[in-house]
């Protein structure tokens, strides 16, 4: 099965609510908390959000977990400092009652002017879930997410009170005083069979981390087939870091500088923690760099290039998304375009430090995509022209 090629791409950015740095900041899925050199106070997060808006990103993904700030509060604090930018808020269904989540989302939509997107994180680590008081198994969490998303959607779209008595959720007479005028799109990632099945039933956008292009294509075909079994068609997205520069040599020099700053002891500690992860997606990420075995202190960063222009060095220290696009603006645009042709519309990108790197993408990668004839959301005209996104707000 070949997925249809989207006619355009939508670029999203990342809000590092655990701090930012010129080097890799630990944290992420299944990893211990670390703070970057730039503390994530309101002043810095405001700069990041405004830079993302200025550079035409559709939204900023805001993570959830013990290692970062609360995603709802952090993004709500930025609504008044932005005008168009949306917020892709990550949350865990097992930690929020479905009726409350539906109400929170409705309120957010009403107060923000419909600028909410939702990223469902089921939770791949039992230990972290228990720290929040959730003693369910991963299988149970997927079941709860399925029932929660079903109930939430009904509360958003139905006027009559809802009664539900499932395996994980029971409510009587659930309803909202007001329903959202725009239902928030649901982004959902998961590489396990349960994750794929839940996404096929409930997601609007299926997300994958940046694996080898052949593996990504195979996974998306599996998800598409399962969605079709439910009579559904999904959009697709990918989560990647990016180092985009005027030339290939400049980009790899930046990657090398990041690589040279990595302490072998930090790699050992990070990989020891990630080794216990129950997440199938995290296991696939870690296997790309051999669970840290591919790291050689003082070595060549490019030794971790696992596909042309795709680098696994970020995952040496960071859980979750651990791969990066590296190359000239034209090369990075070509890889994005290739992923688009495999069926991907949404690209959730990030780079260290996030403030400066947002301009590298906005001023370098976006024009390169446009030169290839790719339509980029929020960039109806070439960057820098009188009709570009920066002058349309």
Foldseek 3Di string as FASTA:
>chain_A
DFAAFDQFFAEEEAQQQQEFFLAFAADDALFAAGHYPGHNDLVVSLLLQVLLLLLQHQEYEYDDFPNGDQQLVNVVSNLVSDQRYAYAHEDALQLDQLLVVLQSQQVCCVVNVHRYAYEYDLHFDQVRCVVSVDNDDSLVSLVSVLVSLVVSVCQQPPQFFDADDDPHDGDGRRHDPDHHPDDHFYEAEADDPSRLLSCLVGHQEYEAEDDPLVVVLVSVVVSQVNNVVVVHGHAYEYEAEEQAAQFLVVQQVSLVVNLQPDDLVLLVVRLVSLVPTRGPRQVRLCVLCPSLPVRDHVDRQCSQVSDVQKGQCSNSRYTDRRIYGTGYLLSSLVVVSVVSSSRHRYYYYAHGRRSVVSCSCSVRNVQSNVVVVHHYRQANDRPPDCPHNNNPD
